[in-house]
């Protein structure tokens, strides 16, 4: 199951690979007996003016509700999503962006 923070996360015009990635990340959260909570997709203010959030190619996941080891979860997400995605464990969330290098 996937929750949306405050029912205010904007999922309009999101790249199709983001939807795929969200489904994979949700499965990994469930494997850790936790529920994925999306905290941002195409909304909020972000650190970089060219953030992939603004073009529908990034999302953030809540971490304080995850019951397992966050480093292991982050590594599992990296492995599951592959090289086209950047996965960054921040202080209060996991940031995931679709950023193919070729």
PDB file of N, CA and C in Angstrom:
ATOM      1  N   UNK A   1       0.840  -1.181   0.000  1.00  0.00           N
ATOM      2  CA  UNK A   1       0.000   0.000   0.000  1.00  0.00           C
ATOM      3  C   UNK A   1       0.891   1.253   0.000  1.00  0.00           C
ATOM      4  N   UNK A   2       0.367   2.304  -0.581  1.00  0.00           N
ATOM      5  CA  UNK A   2       1.092   3.564  -0.675  1.00  0.00           C
ATOM      6  C   UNK A   2       0.222   4.661  -0.081  1.00  0.00           C
ATOM      7  N   UNK A   3       0.813   5.460   0.775  1.00  0.00           N
ATOM      8  CA  UNK A   3       0.124   6.623   1.314  1.00  0.00           C
ATOM      9  C   UNK A   3       0.705   7.882   0.686  1.00  0.00           C
ATOM     10  N   UNK A   4      -0.123   8.911   0.652  1.00  0.00           N
ATOM     11  CA  UNK A   4       0.282  10.211   0.139  1.00  0.00           C
ATOM     12  C   UNK A   4       0.248  11.200   1.300  1.00  0.00           C
ATOM     13  N   UNK A   5       1.350  11.898   1.555  1.00  0.00           N
ATOM     14  CA  UNK A   5       1.422  12.858   2.654  1.00  0.00           C
ATOM     15  C   UNK A   5       0.312  13.905   2.518  1.00  0.00           C
ATOM     16  N   UNK A   6      -0.516  13.989   3.532  1.00  0.00           N
ATOM     17  CA  UNK A   6      -1.586  14.987   3.599  1.00  0.00           C
ATOM     18  C   UNK A   6      -2.475  15.017   2.353  1.00  0.00           C
ATOM     19  N   UNK A   7      -2.468  13.956   1.562  1.00  0.00           N
ATOM     20  CA  UNK A   7      -3.233  13.905   0.310  1.00  0.00           C
ATOM     21  C   UNK A   7      -2.953  15.105  -0.592  1.00  0.00           C
ATOM     22  N   UNK A   8      -1.738  15.648  -0.530  1.00  0.00           N
ATOM     23  CA  UNK A   8      -1.408  16.855  -1.286  1.00  0.00           C
ATOM     24  C   UNK A   8      -0.205  16.682  -2.203  1.00  0.00           C
ATOM     25  N   UNK A   9       0.212  15.481  -2.464  1.00  0.00           N
ATOM     26  CA  UNK A   9       1.353  15.265  -3.350  1.00  0.00           C
ATOM     27  C   UNK A   9       0.852  15.318  -4.796  1.00  0.00           C
ATOM     28  N   UNK A  10       1.526  16.117  -5.613  1.00  0.00           N
ATOM     29  CA  UNK A  10       1.119  16.310  -7.008  1.00  0.00           C
ATOM     30  C   UNK A  10       1.740  15.234  -7.895  1.00  0.00           C
ATOM     31  N   UNK A  11       0.883  14.404  -8.490  1.00  0.00           N
ATOM     32  CA  UNK A  11       1.335  13.336  -9.383  1.00  0.00           C
ATOM     33  C   UNK A  11       0.990  13.630 -10.841  1.00  0.00           C
ATOM     34  N   UNK A  12       0.629  14.869 -11.149  1.00  0.00           N
ATOM     35  CA  UNK A  12       0.307  15.241 -12.532  1.00  0.00           C
ATOM     36  C   UNK A  12       1.556  15.244 -13.400  1.00  0.00           C
ATOM     37  N   UNK A  13       1.412  14.717 -14.610  1.00  0.00           N
ATOM     38  CA  UNK A  13       2.481  14.744 -15.624  1.00  0.00           C
ATOM     39  C   UNK A  13       3.803  14.173 -15.117  1.00  0.00           C
ATOM     40  N   UNK A  14       3.724  13.041 -14.440  1.00  0.00           N
ATOM     41  CA  UNK A  14       4.910  12.362 -13.926  1.00  0.00           C
ATOM     42  C   UNK A  14       5.411  11.380 -14.979  1.00  0.00           C
ATOM     43  N   UNK A  15       6.708  11.298 -15.152  1.00  0.00           N
ATOM     44  CA  UNK A  15       7.314  10.360 -16.100  1.00  0.00           C
ATOM     45  C   UNK A  15       6.882   8.935 -15.740  1.00  0.00           C
ATOM     46  N   UNK A  16       6.567   8.134 -16.749  1.00  0.00           N
ATOM     47  CA  UNK A  16       6.065   6.784 -16.495  1.00  0.00           C
ATOM     48  C   UNK A  16       7.031   5.924 -15.690  1.00  0.00           C
ATOM     49  N   UNK A  17       8.334   6.163 -15.793  1.00  0.00           N
ATOM     50  CA  UNK A  17       9.297   5.375 -15.019  1.00  0.00           C
ATOM     51  C   UNK A  17       9.207   5.688 -13.525  1.00  0.00           C
ATOM     52  N   UNK A  18       8.709   6.853 -13.176  1.00  0.00           N
ATOM     53  CA  UNK A  18       8.519   7.193 -11.767  1.00  0.00           C
ATOM     54  C   UNK A  18       7.406   6.331 -11.179  1.00  0.00           C
ATOM     55  N   UNK A  19       6.326   6.147 -11.927  1.00  0.00           N
ATOM     56  CA  UNK A  19       5.248   5.270 -11.439  1.00  0.00           C
ATOM     57  C   UNK A  19       5.777   3.851 -11.214  1.00  0.00           C
ATOM     58  N   UNK A  20       6.590   3.367 -12.146  1.00  0.00           N
ATOM     59  CA  UNK A  20       7.184   2.034 -12.004  1.00  0.00           C
ATOM     60  C   UNK A  20       8.062   1.985 -10.758  1.00  0.00           C
ATOM     61  N   UNK A  21       8.902   3.014 -10.580  1.00  0.00           N
ATOM     62  CA  UNK A  21       9.808   3.043  -9.430  1.00  0.00           C
ATOM     63  C   UNK A  21       9.036   3.098  -8.115  1.00  0.00           C
ATOM     64  N   UNK A  22       7.970   3.875  -8.067  1.00  0.00           N
ATOM     65  CA  UNK A  22       7.153   3.947  -6.849  1.00  0.00           C
ATOM     66  C   UNK A  22       6.613   2.562  -6.492  1.00  0.00           C
ATOM     67  N   UNK A  23       6.172   1.815  -7.484  1.00  0.00           N
ATOM     68  CA  UNK A  23       5.639   0.479  -7.200  1.00  0.00           C
ATOM     69  C   UNK A  23       6.721  -0.451  -6.655  1.00  0.00           C
ATOM     70  N   UNK A  24       7.937  -0.357  -7.175  1.00  0.00           N
ATOM     71  CA  UNK A  24       9.048  -1.179  -6.689  1.00  0.00           C
ATOM     72  C   UNK A  24       9.404  -0.787  -5.258  1.00  0.00           C
ATOM     73  N   UNK A  25       9.507   0.510  -4.994  1.00  0.00           N
ATOM     74  CA  UNK A  25       9.857   0.994  -3.660  1.00  0.00           C
ATOM     75  C   UNK A  25       8.777   0.587  -2.653  1.00  0.00           C
ATOM     76  N   UNK A  26       7.532   0.632  -3.053  1.00  0.00           N
ATOM     77  CA  UNK A  26       6.440   0.215  -2.159  1.00  0.00           C
ATOM     78  C   UNK A  26       6.608  -1.248  -1.749  1.00  0.00           C
ATOM     79  N   UNK A  27       7.003  -2.089  -2.689  1.00  0.00           N
ATOM     80  CA  UNK A  27       7.235  -3.505  -2.375  1.00  0.00           C
ATOM     81  C   UNK A  27       8.375  -3.670  -1.380  1.00  0.00           C
ATOM     82  N   UNK A  28       9.424  -2.869  -1.530  1.00  0.00           N
ATOM     83  CA  UNK A  28      10.561  -2.957  -0.611  1.00  0.00           C
ATOM     84  C   UNK A  28      10.186  -2.470   0.788  1.00  0.00           C
ATOM     85  N   UNK A  29       9.382  -1.431   0.865  1.00  0.00           N
ATOM     86  CA  UNK A  29       8.877  -0.979   2.176  1.00  0.00           C
ATOM     87  C   UNK A  29       8.044  -2.077   2.816  1.00  0.00           C
ATOM     88  N   UNK A  30       7.152  -2.690   2.042  1.00  0.00           N
ATOM     89  CA  UNK A  30       6.303  -3.757   2.571  1.00  0.00           C
ATOM     90  C   UNK A  30       7.135  -4.937   3.058  1.00  0.00           C
ATOM     91  N   UNK A  31       8.225  -5.247   2.357  1.00  0.00           N
ATOM     92  CA  UNK A  31       9.107  -6.333   2.789  1.00  0.00           C
ATOM     93  C   UNK A  31       9.730  -6.009   4.144  1.00  0.00           C
ATOM     94  N   UNK A  32       9.852  -4.726   4.469  1.00  0.00           N
ATOM     95  CA  UNK A  32      10.355  -4.283   5.768  1.00  0.00           C
ATOM     96  C   UNK A  32       9.238  -4.012   6.754  1.00  0.00           C
ATOM     97  N   UNK A  33       8.053  -4.578   6.470  1.00  0.00           N
ATOM     98  CA  UNK A  33       6.880  -4.442   7.339  1.00  0.00           C
ATOM     99  C   UNK A  33       6.538  -2.969   7.590  1.00  0.00           C
ATOM    100  N   UNK A  34       6.627  -2.164   6.525  1.00  0.00           N
ATOM    101  CA  UNK A  34       6.348  -0.733   6.606  1.00  0.00           C
ATOM    102  C   UNK A  34       5.517  -0.330   5.397  1.00  0.00           C
ATOM    103  N   UNK A  35       4.993   0.867   5.455  1.00  0.00           N
ATOM    104  CA  UNK A  35       4.197   1.382   4.352  1.00  0.00           C
ATOM    105  C   UNK A  35       4.895   2.588   3.735  1.00  0.00           C
ATOM    106  N   UNK A  36       4.960   2.610   2.416  1.00  0.00           N
ATOM    107  CA  UNK A  36       5.559   3.735   1.716  1.00  0.00           C
ATOM    108  C   UNK A  36       4.656   4.953   1.849  1.00  0.00           C
ATOM    109  N   UNK A  37       5.249   6.073   2.247  1.00  0.00           N
ATOM    110  CA  UNK A  37       4.547   7.354   2.270  1.00  0.00           C
ATOM    111  C   UNK A  37       5.304   8.295   1.343  1.00  0.00           C
ATOM    112  N   UNK A  38       4.634   8.716   0.264  1.00  0.00           N
ATOM    113  CA  UNK A  38       5.222   9.701  -0.638  1.00  0.00           C
ATOM    114  C   UNK A  38       5.057  11.076  -0.016  1.00  0.00           C
ATOM    115  N   UNK A  39       6.160  11.810   0.096  1.00  0.00           N
ATOM    116  CA  UNK A  39       6.097  13.130   0.709  1.00  0.00           C
ATOM    117  C   UNK A  39       6.212  14.258  -0.317  1.00  0.00           C
ATOM    118  N   UNK A  40       6.718  13.944  -1.507  1.00  0.00           N
ATOM    119  CA  UNK A  40       6.815  14.950  -2.556  1.00  0.00           C
ATOM    120  C   UNK A  40       7.049  14.275  -3.897  1.00  0.00           C
ATOM    121  N   UNK A  41       6.391  14.811  -4.921  1.00  0.00           N
ATOM    122  CA  UNK A  41       6.681  14.407  -6.299  1.00  0.00           C
ATOM    123  C   UNK A  41       6.864  15.690  -7.103  1.00  0.00           C
ATOM    124  N   UNK A  42       5.786  16.272  -7.597  1.00  0.00           N
ATOM    125  CA  UNK A  42       5.898  17.528  -8.372  1.00  0.00           C
ATOM    126  C   UNK A  42       5.405  18.712  -7.554  1.00  0.00           C
ATOM    127  N   UNK A  43       5.709  18.752  -6.316  1.00  0.00           N
ATOM    128  CA  UNK A  43       5.204  19.786  -5.428  1.00  0.00           C
ATOM    129  C   UNK A  43       6.314  20.220  -4.476  1.00  0.00           C
ATOM    130  N   UNK A  44       6.026  21.147  -3.630  1.00  0.00           N
ATOM    131  CA  UNK A  44       6.962  21.647  -2.616  1.00  0.00           C
ATOM    132  C   UNK A  44       8.094  22.447  -3.252  1.00  0.00           C
ATOM    133  N   UNK A  45       8.923  23.002  -2.395  1.00  0.00           N
ATOM    134  CA  UNK A  45      10.138  23.687  -2.843  1.00  0.00           C
ATOM    135  C   UNK A  45      11.301  22.737  -2.611  1.00  0.00           C
ATOM    136  N   UNK A  46      12.264  22.786  -3.521  1.00  0.00           N
ATOM    137  CA  UNK A  46      13.398  21.867  -3.451  1.00  0.00           C
ATOM    138  C   UNK A  46      14.710  22.642  -3.485  1.00  0.00           C
ATOM    139  N   UNK A  47      15.755  21.980  -3.046  1.00  0.00           N
ATOM    140  CA  UNK A  47      17.065  22.622  -2.878  1.00  0.00           C
ATOM    141  C   UNK A  47      17.635  23.193  -4.174  1.00  0.00           C
ATOM    142  N   UNK A  48      17.352  22.554  -5.276  1.00  0.00           N
ATOM    143  CA  UNK A  48      17.939  22.970  -6.552  1.00  0.00           C
ATOM    144  C   UNK A  48      16.858  23.525  -7.468  1.00  0.00           C
ATOM    145  N   UNK A  49      17.140  24.636  -8.128  1.00  0.00           N
ATOM    146  CA  UNK A  49      16.140  25.222  -9.023  1.00  0.00           C
ATOM    147  C   UNK A  49      15.857  24.319 -10.220  1.00  0.00           C
ATOM    148  N   UNK A  50      16.796  23.446 -10.568  1.00  0.00           N
ATOM    149  CA  UNK A  50      16.601  22.506 -11.675  1.00  0.00           C
ATOM    150  C   UNK A  50      16.278  21.098 -11.169  1.00  0.00           C
ATOM    151  N   UNK A  51      15.674  21.012 -10.015  1.00  0.00           N
ATOM    152  CA  UNK A  51      15.334  19.720  -9.431  1.00  0.00           C
ATOM    153  C   UNK A  51      14.465  18.901 -10.390  1.00  0.00           C
ATOM    154  N   UNK A  52      14.722  17.613 -10.428  1.00  0.00           N
ATOM    155  CA  UNK A  52      13.902  16.720 -11.250  1.00  0.00           C
ATOM    156  C   UNK A  52      12.464  16.642 -10.742  1.00  0.00           C
ATOM    157  N   UNK A  53      12.209  17.066  -9.520  1.00  0.00           N
ATOM    158  CA  UNK A  53      10.834  17.105  -9.020  1.00  0.00           C
ATOM    159  C   UNK A  53       9.959  17.963  -9.932  1.00  0.00           C
ATOM    160  N   UNK A  54      10.487  19.088 -10.365  1.00  0.00           N
ATOM    161  CA  UNK A  54       9.698  20.058 -11.121  1.00  0.00           C
ATOM    162  C   UNK A  54       9.269  19.539 -12.492  1.00  0.00           C
ATOM    163  N   UNK A  55       9.942  18.517 -12.995  1.00  0.00           N
ATOM    164  CA  UNK A  55       9.594  17.958 -14.304  1.00  0.00           C
ATOM    165  C   UNK A  55       9.045  16.537 -14.188  1.00  0.00           C
ATOM    166  N   UNK A  56       8.657  16.135 -12.992  1.00  0.00           N
ATOM    167  CA  UNK A  56       8.025  14.835 -12.803  1.00  0.00           C
ATOM    168  C   UNK A  56       8.949  13.647 -12.893  1.00  0.00           C
ATOM    169  N   UNK A  57      10.221  13.852 -12.540  1.00  0.00           N
ATOM    170  CA  UNK A  57      11.193  12.757 -12.616  1.00  0.00           C
ATOM    171  C   UNK A  57      11.857  12.465 -11.281  1.00  0.00           C
ATOM    172  N   UNK A  58      11.205  12.842 -10.163  1.00  0.00           N
ATOM    173  CA  UNK A  58      11.755  12.556  -8.839  1.00  0.00           C
ATOM    174  C   UNK A  58      10.625  12.436  -7.824  1.00  0.00           C
ATOM    175  N   UNK A  59      10.913  11.688  -6.772  1.00  0.00           N
ATOM    176  CA  UNK A  59       9.973  11.596  -5.660  1.00  0.00           C
ATOM    177  C   UNK A  59      10.731  11.373  -4.368  1.00  0.00           C
ATOM    178  N   UNK A  60      10.064  11.707  -3.263  1.00  0.00           N
ATOM    179  CA  UNK A  60      10.642  11.549  -1.934  1.00  0.00           C
ATOM    180  C   UNK A  60       9.785  10.602  -1.106  1.00  0.00           C
ATOM    181  N   UNK A  61      10.454   9.801  -0.260  1.00  0.00           N
ATOM    182  CA  UNK A  61       9.794   8.812   0.582  1.00  0.00           C
ATOM    183  C   UNK A  61      10.094   9.098   2.048  1.00  0.00           C
ATOM    184  N   UNK A  62       9.070   9.042   2.863  1.00  0.00           N
ATOM    185  CA  UNK A  62       9.255   9.211   4.311  1.00  0.00           C
ATOM    186  C   UNK A  62      10.111   8.071   4.837  1.00  0.00           C
ATOM    187  N   UNK A  63      10.959   8.372   5.828  1.00  0.00           N
ATOM    188  CA  UNK A  63      11.803   7.315   6.397  1.00  0.00           C
ATOM    189  C   UNK A  63      11.531   7.052   7.871  1.00  0.00           C
ATOM    190  N   UNK A  64      10.954   8.009   8.601  1.00  0.00           N
ATOM    191  CA  UNK A  64      10.808   7.807  10.045  1.00  0.00           C
ATOM    192  C   UNK A  64       9.843   6.681  10.376  1.00  0.00           C
ATOM    193  N   UNK A  65       9.034   6.268   9.413  1.00  0.00           N
ATOM    194  CA  UNK A  65       8.089   5.184   9.658  1.00  0.00           C
ATOM    195  C   UNK A  65       8.630   3.818   9.218  1.00  0.00           C
ATOM    196  N   UNK A  66       9.853   3.776   8.688  1.00  0.00           N
ATOM    197  CA  UNK A  66      10.408   2.510   8.219  1.00  0.00           C
ATOM    198  C   UNK A  66      10.954   1.716   9.398  1.00  0.00           C
ATOM    199  N   UNK A  67      10.585   0.439   9.465  1.00  0.00           N
ATOM    200  CA  UNK A  67      10.919  -0.402  10.625  1.00  0.00           C
ATOM    201  C   UNK A  67      12.276  -1.095  10.542  1.00  0.00           C
ATOM    202  N   UNK A  68      12.942  -1.034   9.409  1.00  0.00           N
ATOM    203  CA  UNK A  68      14.207  -1.743   9.258  1.00  0.00           C
ATOM    204  C   UNK A  68      15.396  -0.803   9.181  1.00  0.00           C
ATOM    205  N   UNK A  69      16.498  -1.314   8.666  1.00  0.00           N
ATOM    206  CA  UNK A  69      17.730  -0.555   8.509  1.00  0.00           C
ATOM    207  C   UNK A  69      17.641   0.315   7.253  1.00  0.00           C
ATOM    208  N   UNK A  70      17.774   1.619   7.416  1.00  0.00           N
ATOM    209  CA  UNK A  70      17.615   2.544   6.290  1.00  0.00           C
ATOM    210  C   UNK A  70      18.729   2.417   5.254  1.00  0.00           C
ATOM    211  N   UNK A  71      19.937   2.140   5.691  1.00  0.00           N
ATOM    212  CA  UNK A  71      21.027   1.951   4.726  1.00  0.00           C
ATOM    213  C   UNK A  71      20.770   0.727   3.857  1.00  0.00           C
ATOM    214  N   UNK A  72      20.280  -0.344   4.473  1.00  0.00           N
ATOM    215  CA  UNK A  72      19.956  -1.548   3.703  1.00  0.00           C
ATOM    216  C   UNK A  72      18.807  -1.289   2.732  1.00  0.00           C
ATOM    217  N   UNK A  73      17.788  -0.555   3.195  1.00  0.00           N
ATOM    218  CA  UNK A  73      16.668  -0.214   2.319  1.00  0.00           C
ATOM    219  C   UNK A  73      17.148   0.608   1.130  1.00  0.00           C
ATOM    220  N   UNK A  74      17.965   1.609   1.393  1.00  0.00           N
ATOM    221  CA  UNK A  74      18.471   2.474   0.323  1.00  0.00           C
ATOM    222  C   UNK A  74      19.255   1.660  -0.699  1.00  0.00           C
ATOM    223  N   UNK A  75      20.099   0.764  -0.223  1.00  0.00           N
ATOM    224  CA  UNK A  75      20.871  -0.088  -1.135  1.00  0.00           C
ATOM    225  C   UNK A  75      19.952  -1.018  -1.931  1.00  0.00           C
ATOM    226  N   UNK A  76      18.941  -1.566  -1.297  1.00  0.00           N
ATOM    227  CA  UNK A  76      17.985  -2.433  -2.000  1.00  0.00           C
ATOM    228  C   UNK A  76      17.244  -1.669  -3.089  1.00  0.00           C
ATOM    229  N   UNK A  77      16.888  -0.423  -2.806  1.00  0.00           N
ATOM    230  CA  UNK A  77      16.220   0.408  -3.814  1.00  0.00           C
ATOM    231  C   UNK A  77      17.158   0.652  -4.992  1.00  0.00           C
ATOM    232  N   UNK A  78      18.407   0.991  -4.712  1.00  0.00           N
ATOM    233  CA  UNK A  78      19.394   1.211  -5.790  1.00  0.00           C
ATOM    234  C   UNK A  78      19.504  -0.019  -6.688  1.00  0.00           C
ATOM    235  N   UNK A  79      19.628  -1.173  -6.064  1.00  0.00           N
ATOM    236  CA  UNK A  79      19.783  -2.416  -6.825  1.00  0.00           C
ATOM    237  C   UNK A  79      18.533  -2.726  -7.643  1.00  0.00           C
ATOM    238  N   UNK A  80      17.359  -2.506  -7.062  1.00  0.00           N
ATOM    239  CA  UNK A  80      16.109  -2.819  -7.755  1.00  0.00           C
ATOM    240  C   UNK A  80      15.836  -1.876  -8.923  1.00  0.00           C
ATOM    241  N   UNK A  81      16.183  -0.611  -8.771  1.00  0.00           N
ATOM    242  CA  UNK A  81      15.865   0.372  -9.810  1.00  0.00           C
ATOM    243  C   UNK A  81      16.929   0.453 -10.895  1.00  0.00           C
ATOM    244  N   UNK A  82      18.154   0.122 -10.572  1.00  0.00           N
ATOM    245  CA  UNK A  82      19.210   0.122 -11.576  1.00  0.00           C
ATOM    246  C   UNK A  82      19.854   1.475 -11.798  1.00  0.00           C
ATOM    247  N   UNK A  83      20.722   1.516 -12.807  1.00  0.00           N
ATOM    248  CA  UNK A  83      21.586   2.671 -13.063  1.00  0.00           C
ATOM    249  C   UNK A  83      20.866   3.913 -13.569  1.00  0.00           C
ATOM    250  N   UNK A  84      19.645   3.785 -14.042  1.00  0.00           N
ATOM    251  CA  UNK A  84      18.928   4.961 -14.538  1.00  0.00           C
ATOM    252  C   UNK A  84      18.421   5.862 -13.414  1.00  0.00           C
ATOM    253  N   UNK A  85      18.496   5.375 -12.185  1.00  0.00           N
ATOM    254  CA  UNK A  85      17.976   6.123 -11.043  1.00  0.00           C
ATOM    255  C   UNK A  85      19.085   6.475 -10.070  1.00  0.00           C
ATOM    256  N   UNK A  86      18.962   7.670  -9.485  1.00  0.00           N
ATOM    257  CA  UNK A  86      19.800   8.065  -8.365  1.00  0.00           C
ATOM    258  C   UNK A  86      18.954   7.931  -7.109  1.00  0.00           C
ATOM    259  N   UNK A  87      19.516   7.319  -6.076  1.00  0.00           N
ATOM    260  CA  UNK A  87      18.809   7.092  -4.812  1.00  0.00           C
ATOM    261  C   UNK A  87      19.683   7.656  -3.698  1.00  0.00           C
ATOM    262  N   UNK A  88      19.145   8.649  -2.983  1.00  0.00           N
ATOM    263  CA  UNK A  88      19.935   9.358  -1.974  1.00  0.00           C
ATOM    264  C   UNK A  88      19.196   9.344  -0.647  1.00  0.00           C
ATOM    265  N   UNK A  89      19.858   8.815   0.376  1.00  0.00           N
ATOM    266  CA  UNK A  89      19.310   8.842   1.729  1.00  0.00           C
ATOM    267  C   UNK A  89      19.627  10.199   2.338  1.00  0.00           C
ATOM    268  N   UNK A  90      18.599  11.010   2.528  1.00  0.00           N
ATOM    269  CA  UNK A  90      18.738  12.331   3.140  1.00  0.00           C
ATOM    270  C   UNK A  90      18.457  12.194   4.639  1.00  0.00           C
ATOM    271  N   UNK A  91      18.532  13.287   5.375  1.00  0.00           N
ATOM    272  CA  UNK A  91      18.321  13.228   6.825  1.00  0.00           C
ATOM    273  C   UNK A  91      16.887  12.885   7.204  1.00  0.00           C
ATOM    274  N   UNK A  92      15.926  13.240   6.365  1.00  0.00           N
ATOM    275  CA  UNK A  92      14.524  12.997   6.724  1.00  0.00           C
ATOM    276  C   UNK A  92      13.704  12.312   5.642  1.00  0.00           C
ATOM    277  N   UNK A  93      14.352  11.873   4.553  1.00  0.00           N
ATOM    278  CA  UNK A  93      13.636  11.180   3.484  1.00  0.00           C
ATOM    279  C   UNK A  93      14.631  10.483   2.553  1.00  0.00           C
ATOM    280  N   UNK A  94      14.087   9.639   1.686  1.00  0.00           N
ATOM    281  CA  UNK A  94      14.885   9.074   0.595  1.00  0.00           C
ATOM    282  C   UNK A  94      14.442   9.792  -0.675  1.00  0.00           C
ATOM    283  N   UNK A  95      15.401  10.365  -1.371  1.00  0.00           N
ATOM    284  CA  UNK A  95      15.141  11.046  -2.638  1.00  0.00           C
ATOM    285  C   UNK A  95      15.488  10.083  -3.777  1.00  0.00           C
ATOM    286  N   UNK A  96      14.566   9.946  -4.719  1.00  0.00           N
ATOM    287  CA  UNK A  96      14.771   9.045  -5.853  1.00  0.00           C
ATOM    288  C   UNK A  96      14.469   9.825  -7.127  1.00  0.00           C
ATOM    289  N   UNK A  97      15.414   9.794  -8.081  1.00  0.00           N
ATOM    290  CA  UNK A  97      15.182  10.508  -9.330  1.00  0.00           C
ATOM    291  C   UNK A  97      15.567   9.664 -10.534  1.00  0.00           C
ATOM    292  N   UNK A  98      14.784   9.822 -11.590  1.00  0.00           N
ATOM    293  CA  UNK A  98      15.060   9.172 -12.859  1.00  0.00           C
ATOM    294  C   UNK A  98      16.051  10.052 -13.603  1.00  0.00           C
ATOM    295  N   UNK A  99      17.296   9.550 -13.750  1.00  0.00           N
ATOM    296  CA  UNK A  99      18.383  10.326 -14.340  1.00  0.00           C
ATOM    297  C   UNK A  99      19.262   9.411 -15.182  1.00  0.00           C
ATOM    298  N   UNK A 100      18.742   8.967 -16.355  1.00  0.00           N
ATOM    299  CA  UNK A 100      19.559   8.076 -17.187  1.00  0.00           C
ATOM    300  C   UNK A 100      20.823   8.788 -17.652  1.00  0.00           C
ATOM    301  N   UNK A 101      21.923   8.063 -17.636  1.00  0.00           N
ATOM    302  CA  UNK A 101      23.223   8.665 -17.952  1.00  0.00           C
ATOM    303  C   UNK A 101      23.595   8.586 -19.428  1.00  0.00           C
ATOM    304  N   UNK A 102      22.863   7.821 -20.245  1.00  0.00           N
ATOM    305  CA  UNK A 102      23.256   7.692 -21.659  1.00  0.00           C
ATOM    306  C   UNK A 102      22.469   8.608 -22.547  1.00  0.00           C
TER     307      UNK A 102
END
